[in-house]
Every structure is written in structure tokens, then in C-alpha cells.
Amino acid sequence: MGDLTGLPDLLRDLAPQVLAAVVRRYGDFEACEDAVQEALLAAARQWPATGVPAQPRNWLITVAGRRRVELLRNETARRRREDAVWHEPAPEVRGDDELVLLLLCCHPALTVPAQVTLTLRAVGGLTTAEIARALLLPEATVGQRISRAKQRIRDTGTKFEMPAPGELAERLGAVRQVLYLIFNEGYTASSGEQLHRVELTREAIRLTRQLHRRLPQDGEVAGLLALMLLTDARRPARTGPNGALIPLAEQDRGRWDAAAIAEGVAILTRTLAQAPIGPFQLQAAIAAVHDEAARPEDTDWQQILILYGLLHTLAPNPMVTLNRIVAVAMVHGPATGLAALDELAGAAELAGAAELAGTDEPAGAQEPAGGQLPAGDPVLARHHRTAAVRAHLLEMAGDLDGAREHYRQAARLTLSRPEQRYLESRAARLR
């Protein structure tokens, strides 16, 4: 029968792939989602007794497809259609099913925030709580968005069909954002015992590669792929043998993936020469500056500060500002950075993933326009990265008591155990 201890993780990883294949075949998102859930429940019941099939994804697709046909059978108006499809083979498994589903979910009938939320659930396989943390939104808000998106699909009779070539551009913004958020959740899991969820980063990179192959002239798709490669290249050095987080300045750069860095730099170089500059290209350029420094002290912080200034102009949001403050402190000293941080303290509209002070996360995403959070939102007021940046700058300034206090505050606020342990260790070191 084999070891089934990893069965929940296997089913979770397969769920988006199965949903993609079934939706592509039958087109009705909500009914297909229900059918896939039933197939997953069937697997959870049967596989512990019978063992995991040789091709578990095909097994799930077949069972989900049959369940979807059963639902069609119960719809009298569609009986003739059901009779036709009942004898057809199960949907073929295609390598680009998830990318197709991504494009389908980013339907113009939905608002951009709804597109992002729905596709994070369907393609990324993230839970409602994980999506809420990725977008810095209350969990209830994310749940409402998913429900409203499904209701909108029902009310409008929206069919999940591949967009015509002329319609693709209007979906690309949400597609890129979703891929980035999936990558971010994989690169630094928002909760749990592990820092990385490698299956998510790999899937995000794979899908972005496919999108880049389809749209080689899109500068922001290329910039996104370069950013992912340049960031993920550092992953082997981000954790120690016991899984502890290792900050950027202390990483063994010999363990970085040189091939991924070379590929990312090459993609970025070509793109900057051919396409209008966009936010993902600028974030990739920042990652490249970090990657090309042989030692931490060789990092060109002046160039990074300039790039953050451009990024703030093109895509202003407080999380980009927070990252820029770190660069300001590295160029002009911690006192200047702390003064800028004080100015930021009352800012609203934090969104996305910020760079943990001293680590190497992407520069900072923002939810598309229309999804910003109101000023004074308690989710923002308690965000641990702001406390971590303040602690880092206070430590640089020599205020060890203040730094220790804010490292501990940041540790209390994060749900990631590796981040908690790292922040607690920083505080303990300052005794």
C-alpha cells in the first residue's frame, strides 16, 4: 500500500490540476468545483485502503468527470447533452491546463479583485485564510469575494471559455498578479512550520514560463518570470539544516542557483531593451542587483534606492515605500530611515508582501486597483513586517532595547513559525 502520510498534501497539490482539466472540459466552474471536491473526498476514503493509484491525477479527473456528468444527468433540460458526453472519454490531461484555468478565471465579467481571489483559490489551491494573508485582507472579506464571484458567474451565465486573442490583454493584469501572489506564498509561507512551500513556487514559475512562451513580447510577463527566477535562486541558502531562516546578509552565496540567476538576468536584459518599463521589471532589477553582489558589502544600495524610487512612481503603495525605507537607511543611515518610517506609520493601503528587513523576499506586491484597504484597518496596524523593519533600523542605530522590543513584537504578529523563531533569535541576541 505504501506510506500514505503525505496523502493530504498530495490531494492538495493535485486539486488545482484536476479542477483545471475538468473545467476545461465541461466549462461550468461551480459545478466542476463541487465535482472535484467529491472526487477528493472519494480518494481520501478509498486510497488508504487500496493504495494510491499509479496515476492519481488521472484517477481524480476521471471520478470528477463522472460526477459532473451525473449532475448533468439530473438536469432535464440538458439530458440530451448529457447522453452525448456520457460516452466520451475522461478529459485529457494537458500540461497547460492550469494556465488555461488561470485565463478563464480572469473573466472580464468579474471585478479585478474578484478575479485575483477566485484564481488564487482555483489555480493556486490557497485556502481562504491564506488568500487573506497574501492580500492583507480580513478572512471574512475574502470569503465574501469568492461567494460574490461565484454568484456573478451564475447570474450572468458566464461560460469558462478561452478568450479570443483580442481579449487576452484585459485579463493579463490579474493573471500576472495571481501568479506573483502564488509565488510569494510559496517563497515565504504566511503560516505554518515551513518557511517555503516549494510546490507553489515551482508551479508559479512553470505557469509564468508558459505565459511567457505565449506572449514573448509582453515586458511585464518577462519581468515577472525574471523576478521569480532571481528570487527563487536564493532559496537553497535561505534556511539552515534545522529549517531556521537565514537573512540575506548571512547567506552562503555559493549555494545560490547560478543558472537561475543567469537566466533571470538574461531575460531581464532583453526585456529592458525591448519593452516599456513596468513594476515587475523594476522589482526584477532590484533582485538582480542583490544577486550580482558577490558579498553583502558589495551590494549597490544606491542603485537599489534609485530603482525603488522608480517603482514608487510607477506603482506607489506603502509596502514599496517600506522597502524603499530600508534602502534609504542603507544609503543615508538608520536615523534617516527611522524618520521616513515614522512618516509611513499612519499610511493606509498596505497590500501584498513586503521584504522582511535583512531577508530577500520580492520587493512588494499590491492588490490591483479597487482592492485597497481602508485607513486604520486593524490587519494593517498589526502587520509584522513593519515592526521587523523598525527593529532592524533601531538595531543599526544602536538602540538595542528598542530593537529588541520591536523584534519581539514582530515575532508575536507573524503566523510563520520560521519567521517567529528568526525574530525571537534576533531579540535574544541583543540582550
Protein backbone atom coordinates (compact mmCIF):
# COMPACT_ATOMS: atom_id res chain seq x y z
CA MET A 1 0.00 0.00 0.00
CA GLY A 2 2.90 2.33 0.69
CA ASP A 3 3.31 5.28 3.00
CA LEU A 4 0.20 7.47 2.96
CA THR A 5 1.35 10.06 5.49
CA GLY A 6 1.67 12.58 2.66
CA LEU A 7 -1.82 11.92 1.28
CA PRO A 8 -3.36 15.26 2.40
CA ASP A 9 -0.51 17.18 0.77
CA LEU A 10 -0.80 15.09 -2.41
CA LEU A 11 -4.52 15.76 -2.69
CA ARG A 12 -3.99 19.45 -2.05
CA ASP A 13 -1.32 19.65 -4.77
CA LEU A 14 -3.47 17.76 -7.28
CA ALA A 15 -6.71 19.68 -6.65
CA PRO A 16 -5.95 22.72 -8.88
CA GLN A 17 -4.66 20.49 -11.68
CA VAL A 18 -7.77 18.32 -11.58
CA LEU A 19 -10.09 21.34 -11.43
CA ALA A 20 -8.30 22.87 -14.42
CA ALA A 21 -8.79 19.76 -16.54
CA VAL A 22 -12.45 19.32 -15.60
CA VAL A 23 -13.35 22.99 -16.09
CA ARG A 24 -11.65 22.98 -19.48
CA ARG A 25 -13.80 20.00 -20.48
CA TYR A 26 -17.19 20.98 -19.02
CA GLY A 27 -16.97 24.78 -18.57
CA ASP A 28 -19.22 25.24 -15.51
CA PHE A 29 -16.86 26.39 -12.77
CA GLU A 30 -19.01 25.96 -9.67
CA ALA A 31 -20.41 22.56 -10.65
CA CYS A 32 -16.94 21.37 -11.64
CA GLU A 33 -15.54 22.58 -8.32
CA ASP A 34 -18.20 20.57 -6.48
CA ALA A 35 -17.41 17.50 -8.57
CA VAL A 36 -13.68 17.81 -7.85
CA GLN A 37 -14.36 18.13 -4.12
CA GLU A 38 -16.35 14.90 -4.23
CA ALA A 39 -13.53 13.18 -6.10
CA LEU A 40 -11.05 14.33 -3.45
CA LEU A 41 -13.31 13.01 -0.69
CA ALA A 42 -13.59 9.69 -2.52
CA ALA A 43 -9.81 9.49 -2.76
CA ALA A 44 -9.40 10.31 0.93
CA ARG A 45 -11.76 7.44 1.77
CA GLN A 46 -10.53 4.84 -0.72
CA TRP A 47 -6.79 5.31 -1.12
CA PRO A 48 -5.85 4.49 2.50
CA ALA A 49 -7.41 1.04 1.89
CA THR A 50 -6.50 0.43 -1.74
CA GLY A 51 -3.31 2.46 -2.12
CA VAL A 52 -2.58 5.49 -4.26
CA PRO A 53 -3.19 4.74 -7.97
CA ALA A 54 -0.27 4.75 -10.37
CA GLN A 55 -1.70 7.91 -11.97
CA PRO A 56 -3.54 9.68 -9.14
CA ARG A 57 -4.31 12.82 -11.14
CA ASN A 58 -5.96 10.82 -13.93
CA TRP A 59 -7.95 8.88 -11.32
CA LEU A 60 -9.25 12.10 -9.78
CA ILE A 61 -10.06 13.63 -13.17
CA THR A 62 -12.00 10.53 -14.18
CA VAL A 63 -14.01 10.43 -10.95
CA ALA A 64 -14.69 14.17 -11.02
CA GLY A 65 -15.73 13.98 -14.67
CA ARG A 66 -18.16 11.18 -13.95
CA ARG A 67 -19.63 13.14 -11.05
CA ARG A 68 -20.06 16.18 -13.28
CA VAL A 69 -21.87 14.04 -15.84
CA GLU A 70 -24.14 12.70 -13.09
CA LEU A 71 -25.06 16.27 -12.24
CA LEU A 72 -25.80 16.95 -15.89
CA ARG A 73 -27.99 13.86 -15.94
CA ASN A 74 -30.18 15.36 -13.27
CA GLU A 75 -30.80 18.46 -15.34
CA THR A 76 -33.71 17.61 -17.59
CA ALA A 77 -33.06 20.46 -19.97
CA ARG A 78 -29.58 19.13 -20.59
CA ARG A 79 -30.43 15.42 -20.80
CA ARG A 80 -29.62 15.19 -24.49
CA ARG A 81 -26.24 16.85 -23.93
CA GLU A 82 -25.56 14.53 -21.00
CA ASP A 83 -26.31 11.46 -23.09
CA ALA A 84 -23.75 12.67 -25.62
CA VAL A 85 -20.94 13.32 -23.21
CA TRP A 86 -21.52 10.22 -21.10
CA HIS A 87 -19.83 8.03 -23.69
CA GLU A 88 -16.91 10.37 -24.24
CA PRO A 89 -13.57 9.63 -22.58
CA ALA A 90 -12.45 11.49 -19.47
CA PRO A 91 -10.84 14.87 -20.14
CA GLU A 92 -7.32 14.62 -21.45
CA VAL A 93 -4.63 15.76 -19.03
CA ARG A 94 -2.72 18.64 -20.58
CA GLY A 95 0.35 20.33 -19.22
CA ASP A 96 -1.12 23.80 -19.67
CA ASP A 97 -4.49 23.09 -18.03
CA GLU A 98 -3.69 25.26 -15.03
CA LEU A 99 -2.68 28.19 -17.24
CA VAL A 100 -5.90 27.80 -19.22
CA LEU A 101 -7.89 27.83 -15.97
CA LEU A 102 -5.99 30.92 -14.87
CA LEU A 103 -7.04 32.76 -18.02
CA LEU A 104 -10.60 31.50 -17.68
CA CYS A 105 -10.96 32.69 -14.09
CA CYS A 106 -9.75 36.17 -15.00
CA HIS A 107 -13.04 36.78 -16.82
CA PRO A 108 -13.99 40.40 -17.53
CA ALA A 109 -17.45 39.77 -16.05
CA LEU A 110 -15.72 39.75 -12.65
CA THR A 111 -14.05 42.68 -10.95
CA VAL A 112 -10.26 42.51 -10.89
CA PRO A 113 -10.14 41.84 -7.11
CA ALA A 114 -12.67 39.03 -7.61
CA GLN A 115 -10.58 37.59 -10.45
CA VAL A 116 -7.49 37.58 -8.25
CA THR A 117 -9.28 35.99 -5.30
CA LEU A 118 -11.06 33.32 -7.34
CA THR A 119 -7.95 32.27 -9.23
CA LEU A 120 -5.83 32.13 -6.09
CA ARG A 121 -8.35 29.61 -4.79
CA ALA A 122 -8.84 27.64 -8.01
CA VAL A 123 -5.34 27.67 -9.51
CA GLY A 124 -3.13 28.34 -6.53
CA GLY A 125 -5.04 26.00 -4.27
CA LEU A 126 -4.78 28.51 -1.42
CA THR A 127 -7.25 28.42 1.43
CA THR A 128 -9.41 31.42 2.28
CA ALA A 129 -7.15 32.20 5.24
CA GLU A 130 -4.01 32.03 3.10
CA ILE A 131 -5.52 34.31 0.47
CA ALA A 132 -6.49 36.77 3.19
CA ARG A 133 -2.92 36.87 4.49
CA ALA A 134 -1.47 37.17 0.99
CA LEU A 135 -3.71 40.15 0.20
CA LEU A 136 -3.66 41.59 3.73
CA LEU A 137 -7.43 41.39 3.91
CA PRO A 138 -9.77 40.12 6.63
CA GLU A 139 -10.66 36.49 6.07
CA ALA A 140 -14.37 37.33 6.01
CA THR A 141 -13.79 39.78 3.15
CA VAL A 142 -12.04 37.12 1.08
CA GLY A 143 -14.85 34.64 1.72
CA GLN A 144 -17.41 37.20 0.60
CA ARG A 145 -15.44 37.91 -2.56
CA ILE A 146 -15.32 34.24 -3.50
CA SER A 147 -19.06 33.87 -2.89
CA ARG A 148 -19.89 37.01 -4.87
CA ALA A 149 -17.66 35.91 -7.75
CA LYS A 150 -19.45 32.57 -7.98
CA GLN A 151 -22.82 34.30 -7.75
CA ARG A 152 -21.81 36.70 -10.52
CA ILE A 153 -20.86 33.75 -12.71
CA ARG A 154 -24.26 32.15 -12.07
CA ASP A 155 -26.24 35.35 -12.62
CA THR A 156 -24.54 36.28 -15.88
CA GLY A 157 -24.43 32.76 -17.28
CA THR A 158 -20.71 33.24 -17.82
CA LYS A 159 -19.08 30.35 -19.65
CA PHE A 160 -15.49 29.47 -18.96
CA GLU A 161 -14.09 29.63 -22.44
CA MET A 162 -10.67 30.59 -23.71
CA PRO A 163 -10.55 34.31 -24.53
CA ALA A 164 -10.12 35.40 -28.11
CA PRO A 165 -6.64 36.79 -28.86
CA GLY A 166 -8.00 40.34 -28.77
CA GLU A 167 -9.47 39.81 -25.29
CA LEU A 168 -6.33 38.46 -23.70
CA ALA A 169 -4.79 41.84 -22.84
CA GLU A 170 -7.61 42.86 -20.50
CA ARG A 171 -7.03 39.72 -18.42
CA LEU A 172 -3.26 39.90 -18.19
CA GLY A 173 -3.04 42.27 -15.22
CA ALA A 174 -4.97 39.91 -12.97
CA VAL A 175 -3.13 36.86 -14.35
CA ARG A 176 0.27 38.35 -13.56
CA GLN A 177 -0.87 39.41 -10.10
CA VAL A 178 -2.20 35.96 -9.26
CA LEU A 179 0.98 34.25 -10.39
CA TYR A 180 3.03 36.64 -8.27
CA LEU A 181 0.91 36.08 -5.18
CA ILE A 182 1.10 32.30 -5.60
CA PHE A 183 4.88 32.60 -5.85
CA ASN A 184 5.04 34.80 -2.76
CA GLU A 185 3.01 32.37 -0.67
CA GLY A 186 5.38 29.61 -1.73
CA TYR A 187 8.54 31.60 -1.13
CA THR A 188 7.53 32.69 2.37
CA ALA A 189 4.52 30.76 3.64
CA SER A 190 2.22 33.07 5.58
CA SER A 191 1.73 30.48 8.31
CA GLY A 192 2.89 27.08 9.45
CA GLU A 193 6.12 25.33 10.36
CA GLN A 194 7.89 25.57 7.00
CA LEU A 195 9.32 28.74 5.50
CA HIS A 196 8.88 27.53 1.92
CA ARG A 197 6.08 25.84 0.04
CA VAL A 198 8.20 24.72 -2.88
CA GLU A 199 5.27 23.24 -4.80
CA LEU A 200 3.75 26.71 -5.09
CA THR A 201 6.91 28.48 -6.23
CA ARG A 202 7.60 25.79 -8.80
CA GLU A 203 4.03 25.92 -10.10
CA ALA A 204 4.11 29.72 -10.33
CA ILE A 205 7.38 29.62 -12.26
CA ARG A 206 6.10 26.86 -14.56
CA LEU A 207 2.89 28.74 -15.38
CA THR A 208 4.75 32.01 -15.89
CA ARG A 209 7.13 30.26 -18.29
CA GLN A 210 4.14 29.04 -20.28
CA LEU A 211 2.64 32.52 -20.35
CA HIS A 212 5.98 33.99 -21.43
CA ARG A 213 6.21 31.49 -24.28
CA ARG A 214 2.75 32.51 -25.46
CA LEU A 215 3.41 36.24 -25.03
CA PRO A 216 7.15 36.74 -25.53
CA GLN A 217 6.72 40.46 -26.29
CA ASP A 218 4.92 41.26 -23.02
CA GLY A 219 7.55 43.02 -20.93
CA GLU A 220 5.78 42.56 -17.61
CA VAL A 221 5.30 38.82 -18.09
CA ALA A 222 9.01 38.60 -18.85
CA GLY A 223 9.80 40.80 -15.87
CA LEU A 224 7.67 38.61 -13.62
CA LEU A 225 9.45 35.46 -14.78
CA ALA A 226 12.85 37.10 -14.25
CA LEU A 227 11.80 38.24 -10.77
CA MET A 228 10.71 34.74 -9.80
CA LEU A 229 13.92 33.16 -11.07
CA LEU A 230 16.18 35.74 -9.44
CA THR A 231 14.34 35.45 -6.14
CA ASP A 232 13.93 31.68 -6.04
CA ALA A 233 17.64 31.28 -6.86
CA ARG A 234 18.40 32.21 -3.24
CA ARG A 235 16.06 29.64 -1.72
CA PRO A 236 18.74 26.94 -1.13
CA ALA A 237 20.59 29.33 1.18
CA ARG A 238 17.56 30.82 3.00
CA THR A 239 17.28 28.09 5.62
CA GLY A 240 19.73 26.18 7.77
CA PRO A 241 19.79 22.41 8.43
CA ASN A 242 17.05 22.79 11.04
CA GLY A 243 14.84 24.94 8.80
CA ALA A 244 15.79 28.20 10.51
CA LEU A 245 15.55 31.35 8.40
CA ILE A 246 18.91 32.80 7.33
CA PRO A 247 18.80 36.51 6.41
CA LEU A 248 20.23 37.71 3.12
CA ALA A 249 23.36 39.24 4.59
CA GLU A 250 24.31 35.94 6.27
CA GLN A 251 23.55 33.53 3.43
CA ASP A 252 26.20 31.38 1.77
CA ARG A 253 26.03 32.88 -1.71
CA GLY A 254 27.85 29.90 -3.12
CA ARG A 255 24.63 27.96 -2.59
CA TRP A 256 22.58 30.30 -4.76
CA ASP A 257 21.38 28.81 -8.05
CA ALA A 258 23.79 30.38 -10.55
CA ALA A 259 21.90 29.02 -13.57
CA ALA A 260 18.62 30.56 -12.42
CA ILE A 261 20.36 33.88 -11.79
CA ALA A 262 21.94 33.84 -15.25
CA GLU A 263 18.60 33.03 -16.88
CA GLY A 264 16.79 35.72 -14.92
CA VAL A 265 19.39 38.37 -15.76
CA ALA A 266 19.31 37.40 -19.45
CA ILE A 267 15.50 37.65 -19.62
CA LEU A 268 15.55 40.98 -17.81
CA THR A 269 18.30 42.40 -20.03
CA ARG A 270 16.40 41.51 -23.20
CA THR A 271 13.15 42.87 -21.84
CA LEU A 272 14.50 46.20 -20.65
CA ALA A 273 15.91 46.79 -24.12
CA GLN A 274 12.67 46.00 -25.93
CA ALA A 275 9.63 46.80 -23.78
CA PRO A 276 8.30 49.74 -21.77
CA ILE A 277 9.49 49.56 -18.15
CA GLY A 278 6.93 48.20 -15.71
CA PRO A 279 6.77 47.39 -11.98
CA PHE A 280 7.70 43.72 -12.30
CA GLN A 281 10.75 44.58 -14.39
CA LEU A 282 11.86 47.07 -11.75
CA GLN A 283 11.42 44.51 -8.98
CA ALA A 284 13.42 42.04 -11.05
CA ALA A 285 16.15 44.64 -11.48
CA ILE A 286 16.30 45.11 -7.69
CA ALA A 287 16.59 41.34 -7.25
CA ALA A 288 19.35 41.24 -9.87
CA VAL A 289 21.39 43.87 -8.02
CA HIS A 290 21.22 41.72 -4.88
CA ASP A 291 22.08 38.55 -6.79
CA GLU A 292 25.07 40.02 -8.60
CA ALA A 293 26.77 41.17 -5.38
CA ALA A 294 29.47 38.63 -4.51
CA ARG A 295 29.40 39.78 -0.86
CA PRO A 296 26.77 41.67 1.15
CA GLU A 297 29.05 44.70 1.38
CA ASP A 298 29.29 44.77 -2.43
CA THR A 299 25.55 45.44 -2.79
CA ASP A 300 24.90 48.63 -4.75
CA TRP A 301 22.34 50.15 -2.40
CA GLN A 302 22.44 53.46 -4.24
CA GLN A 303 21.20 51.73 -7.38
CA ILE A 304 18.58 49.86 -5.39
CA LEU A 305 17.35 53.15 -3.91
CA ILE A 306 17.02 54.65 -7.40
CA LEU A 307 15.09 51.59 -8.59
CA TYR A 308 12.74 51.81 -5.63
CA GLY A 309 12.16 55.45 -6.45
CA LEU A 310 11.11 54.49 -9.98
CA LEU A 311 8.95 51.66 -8.64
CA HIS A 312 7.24 54.07 -6.26
CA THR A 313 6.48 56.37 -9.19
CA LEU A 314 5.04 53.60 -11.38
CA ALA A 315 3.22 51.56 -8.71
CA PRO A 316 3.04 53.51 -5.45
CA ASN A 317 1.92 51.62 -2.38
CA PRO A 318 3.07 51.69 1.24
CA MET A 319 4.78 48.31 1.06
CA VAL A 320 7.03 49.53 -1.72
CA THR A 321 7.66 52.57 0.46
CA LEU A 322 8.56 50.30 3.37
CA ASN A 323 11.14 48.50 1.27
CA ARG A 324 12.47 51.80 -0.02
CA ILE A 325 12.98 52.93 3.58
CA VAL A 326 15.39 50.04 4.12
CA ALA A 327 17.36 51.19 1.07
CA VAL A 328 17.29 54.78 2.36
CA ALA A 329 18.76 53.60 5.66
CA MET A 330 21.48 51.63 3.89
CA VAL A 331 22.47 54.69 1.83
CA HIS A 332 21.87 57.60 4.21
CA GLY A 333 21.96 55.95 7.64
CA PRO A 334 19.40 54.46 10.05
CA ALA A 335 18.29 57.81 11.51
CA THR A 336 17.04 58.91 8.08
CA GLY A 337 15.32 55.58 7.61
CA LEU A 338 13.61 55.79 11.01
CA ALA A 339 12.36 59.29 10.25
CA ALA A 340 10.88 58.03 6.98
CA LEU A 341 9.34 55.08 8.80
CA ASP A 342 7.65 57.45 11.24
CA GLU A 343 6.07 59.24 8.29
CA LEU A 344 4.81 55.93 6.97
CA ALA A 345 3.32 54.84 10.28
CA GLY A 346 -0.03 56.47 9.59
CA ALA A 347 -0.26 55.41 5.97
CA ALA A 348 -3.11 53.23 4.76
CA GLU A 349 -3.46 50.89 1.81
CA LEU A 350 -0.73 48.41 2.69
CA ALA A 351 -1.15 45.49 0.32
CA GLY A 352 0.90 42.48 -0.78
CA ALA A 353 4.15 41.03 0.51
CA ALA A 354 6.94 43.23 1.83
CA GLU A 355 10.59 42.46 2.25
CA LEU A 356 11.48 41.29 5.75
CA ALA A 357 14.31 43.55 6.89
CA GLY A 358 17.56 41.77 6.17
CA THR A 359 15.95 38.99 4.11
CA ASP A 360 15.44 38.53 0.42
CA GLU A 361 11.76 38.47 -0.40
CA PRO A 362 10.28 40.12 -3.50
CA ALA A 363 10.02 43.86 -3.36
CA GLY A 364 6.33 44.02 -2.63
CA ALA A 365 3.11 43.29 -4.46
CA GLN A 366 -0.04 45.30 -4.39
CA GLU A 367 -3.55 44.19 -4.98
CA PRO A 368 -4.99 45.65 -8.18
CA ALA A 369 -6.81 48.97 -8.02
CA GLY A 370 -10.14 48.65 -6.31
CA GLY A 371 -8.83 46.21 -3.73
CA GLN A 372 -7.04 48.64 -1.42
CA LEU A 373 -7.74 48.51 2.27
CA PRO A 374 -9.20 51.44 4.22
CA ALA A 375 -7.09 53.56 6.53
CA GLY A 376 -6.94 52.30 10.09
CA ASP A 377 -7.68 48.67 9.18
CA PRO A 378 -6.54 46.50 12.12
CA VAL A 379 -4.98 43.96 9.74
CA LEU A 380 -2.55 46.64 8.61
CA ALA A 381 -1.90 48.07 12.05
CA ARG A 382 -0.68 44.67 13.25
CA HIS A 383 1.45 43.76 10.24
CA HIS A 384 4.66 42.15 11.47
CA ARG A 385 6.94 43.35 8.68
CA THR A 386 6.56 46.98 9.70
CA ALA A 387 7.68 46.07 13.22
CA ALA A 388 10.54 43.98 11.79
CA VAL A 389 11.81 46.88 9.68
CA ARG A 390 11.68 49.25 12.65
CA ALA A 391 13.58 46.73 14.78
CA HIS A 392 16.24 46.37 12.09
CA LEU A 393 16.73 50.12 11.79
CA LEU A 394 16.82 50.60 15.57
CA GLU A 395 19.49 47.90 15.78
CA MET A 396 21.50 49.70 13.08
CA ALA A 397 21.14 52.94 15.07
CA GLY A 398 22.41 51.31 18.27
CA ASP A 399 19.09 51.41 20.16
CA LEU A 400 19.28 47.79 21.28
CA ASP A 401 16.44 47.99 23.79
CA GLY A 402 14.07 49.43 21.20
CA ALA A 403 15.22 46.92 18.60
CA ARG A 404 14.68 44.02 20.98
CA GLU A 405 11.16 45.24 21.79
CA HIS A 406 10.15 45.53 18.14
CA TYR A 407 11.71 42.19 17.14
CA ARG A 408 9.58 40.59 19.82
CA GLN A 409 6.53 42.49 18.66
CA ALA A 410 7.10 41.32 15.08
CA ALA A 411 7.53 37.73 16.30
CA ARG A 412 4.19 37.90 18.08
CA LEU A 413 2.43 39.19 14.98
CA THR A 414 3.61 36.69 12.36
CA LEU A 415 1.97 33.29 11.94
CA SER A 416 5.04 31.77 10.30
CA ARG A 417 6.99 29.69 12.78
CA PRO A 418 10.35 30.08 10.95
CA GLU A 419 9.90 33.86 10.97
CA GLN A 420 8.89 33.77 14.63
CA ARG A 421 12.00 31.82 15.56
CA TYR A 422 14.21 34.12 13.49
CA LEU A 423 12.77 37.29 15.03
CA GLU A 424 12.93 35.85 18.54
CA SER A 425 16.56 34.90 17.99
CA ARG A 426 17.34 38.46 16.84
CA ALA A 427 15.77 39.81 20.02
CA ALA A 428 17.64 37.30 22.21
CA ARG A 429 20.95 38.22 20.61
CA LEU A 430 20.54 41.84 21.74
CA ARG A 431 20.43 41.08 25.47
